[in-house]
């Protein structure tokens, strides 16, 4: 009785291991970027950092221009 169940189980395992399943096809494709719930906040932070740098550069330019004018 055990042999009757053992042999088909082994055959099923072997056939399953050899088959080209949909999972292996998906593994070949590049993985998508994981969902980032803070993506919009991170983009806003990056924009504000860039704006801050631009404002600091403008302030330096104004100071330099004032010094050149003799003020």
C-alpha atoms as a PDB file:
ATOM      1  CA  UNK A   1       0.000   0.000   0.000  1.00  0.00           C
ATOM      2  CA  UNK A   2       2.796   2.408   0.862  1.00  0.00           C
ATOM      3  CA  UNK A   3       4.573   1.637  -2.400  1.00  0.00           C
ATOM      4  CA  UNK A   4       1.426   2.433  -4.371  1.00  0.00           C
ATOM      5  CA  UNK A   5       1.384   5.961  -2.925  1.00  0.00           C
ATOM      6  CA  UNK A   6       5.134   6.457  -2.842  1.00  0.00           C
ATOM      7  CA  UNK A   7       5.831   5.881  -6.532  1.00  0.00           C
ATOM      8  CA  UNK A   8       3.203   8.322  -7.889  1.00  0.00           C
ATOM      9  CA  UNK A   9       4.291  10.943  -5.359  1.00  0.00           C
ATOM     10  CA  UNK A  10       7.912  10.640  -6.472  1.00  0.00           C
ATOM     11  CA  UNK A  11       6.900  10.825 -10.142  1.00  0.00           C
ATOM     12  CA  UNK A  12       4.829  13.943  -9.500  1.00  0.00           C
ATOM     13  CA  UNK A  13       7.728  15.598  -7.709  1.00  0.00           C
ATOM     14  CA  UNK A  14      10.107  14.790 -10.565  1.00  0.00           C
ATOM     15  CA  UNK A  15       7.696  16.049 -13.201  1.00  0.00           C
ATOM     16  CA  UNK A  16       7.041  19.212 -11.238  1.00  0.00           C
ATOM     17  CA  UNK A  17      10.768  19.863 -10.845  1.00  0.00           C
ATOM     18  CA  UNK A  18      11.353  19.464 -14.571  1.00  0.00           C
ATOM     19  CA  UNK A  19       8.413  21.544 -15.745  1.00  0.00           C
ATOM     20  CA  UNK A  20       8.792  25.144 -16.906  1.00  0.00           C
ATOM     21  CA  UNK A  21       6.322  26.868 -14.638  1.00  0.00           C
ATOM     22  CA  UNK A  22       5.077  30.451 -14.779  1.00  0.00           C
ATOM     23  CA  UNK A  23       7.056  31.233 -11.620  1.00  0.00           C
ATOM     24  CA  UNK A  24      10.362  30.587 -13.359  1.00  0.00           C
ATOM     25  CA  UNK A  25       9.310  32.778 -16.280  1.00  0.00           C
ATOM     26  CA  UNK A  26       8.543  35.620 -13.899  1.00  0.00           C
ATOM     27  CA  UNK A  27      11.891  35.174 -12.187  1.00  0.00           C
ATOM     28  CA  UNK A  28      13.643  35.885 -15.482  1.00  0.00           C
ATOM     29  CA  UNK A  29      11.991  39.293 -15.748  1.00  0.00           C
ATOM     30  CA  UNK A  30      13.543  42.199 -13.870  1.00  0.00           C
ATOM     31  CA  UNK A  31      11.919  42.857 -10.535  1.00  0.00           C
ATOM     32  CA  UNK A  32       9.755  45.925 -10.140  1.00  0.00           C
ATOM     33  CA  UNK A  33      10.805  48.584  -7.699  1.00  0.00           C
ATOM     34  CA  UNK A  34       9.151  48.007  -4.361  1.00  0.00           C
ATOM     35  CA  UNK A  35       6.344  50.331  -3.346  1.00  0.00           C
ATOM     36  CA  UNK A  36       7.640  53.321  -1.434  1.00  0.00           C
ATOM     37  CA  UNK A  37       4.893  55.135   0.498  1.00  0.00           C
ATOM     38  CA  UNK A  38       7.201  58.108   1.145  1.00  0.00           C
ATOM     39  CA  UNK A  39       8.223  58.627  -2.473  1.00  0.00           C
ATOM     40  CA  UNK A  40       6.305  61.887  -2.901  1.00  0.00           C
ATOM     41  CA  UNK A  41       7.653  63.242   0.385  1.00  0.00           C
ATOM     42  CA  UNK A  42      11.205  62.304  -0.594  1.00  0.00           C
ATOM     43  CA  UNK A  43      10.795  64.039  -3.962  1.00  0.00           C
ATOM     44  CA  UNK A  44       9.456  67.152  -2.246  1.00  0.00           C
ATOM     45  CA  UNK A  45      12.373  67.110   0.180  1.00  0.00           C
ATOM     46  CA  UNK A  46      14.838  66.843  -2.703  1.00  0.00           C
ATOM     47  CA  UNK A  47      13.172  69.764  -4.487  1.00  0.00           C
ATOM     48  CA  UNK A  48      13.310  71.882  -1.341  1.00  0.00           C
ATOM     49  CA  UNK A  49      16.999  71.049  -0.867  1.00  0.00           C
ATOM     50  CA  UNK A  50      17.688  72.131  -4.432  1.00  0.00           C
ATOM     51  CA  UNK A  51      15.713  75.337  -3.901  1.00  0.00           C
ATOM     52  CA  UNK A  52      17.599  76.030  -0.674  1.00  0.00           C
ATOM     53  CA  UNK A  53      20.921  75.624  -2.471  1.00  0.00           C
ATOM     54  CA  UNK A  54      19.771  77.952  -5.219  1.00  0.00           C
ATOM     55  CA  UNK A  55      18.625  80.555  -2.669  1.00  0.00           C
ATOM     56  CA  UNK A  56      21.947  80.369  -0.816  1.00  0.00           C
ATOM     57  CA  UNK A  57      23.825  80.839  -4.081  1.00  0.00           C
ATOM     58  CA  UNK A  58      21.649  83.842  -4.946  1.00  0.00           C
ATOM     59  CA  UNK A  59      22.349  85.354  -1.514  1.00  0.00           C
ATOM     60  CA  UNK A  60      26.090  84.902  -2.027  1.00  0.00           C
ATOM     61  CA  UNK A  61      25.836  86.525  -5.442  1.00  0.00           C
ATOM     62  CA  UNK A  62      23.893  89.488  -3.998  1.00  0.00           C
ATOM     63  CA  UNK A  63      26.471  89.916  -1.215  1.00  0.00           C
ATOM     64  CA  UNK A  64      29.285  89.814  -3.736  1.00  0.00           C
ATOM     65  CA  UNK A  65      27.513  92.339  -5.954  1.00  0.00           C
ATOM     66  CA  UNK A  66      26.942  94.686  -2.983  1.00  0.00           C
ATOM     67  CA  UNK A  67      30.610  94.453  -1.965  1.00  0.00           C
ATOM     68  CA  UNK A  68      31.679  95.237  -5.523  1.00  0.00           C
ATOM     69  CA  UNK A  69      29.433  98.315  -5.505  1.00  0.00           C
ATOM     70  CA  UNK A  70      31.205  99.562  -2.380  1.00  0.00           C
ATOM     71  CA  UNK A  71      28.447  98.930   0.111  1.00  0.00           C
END
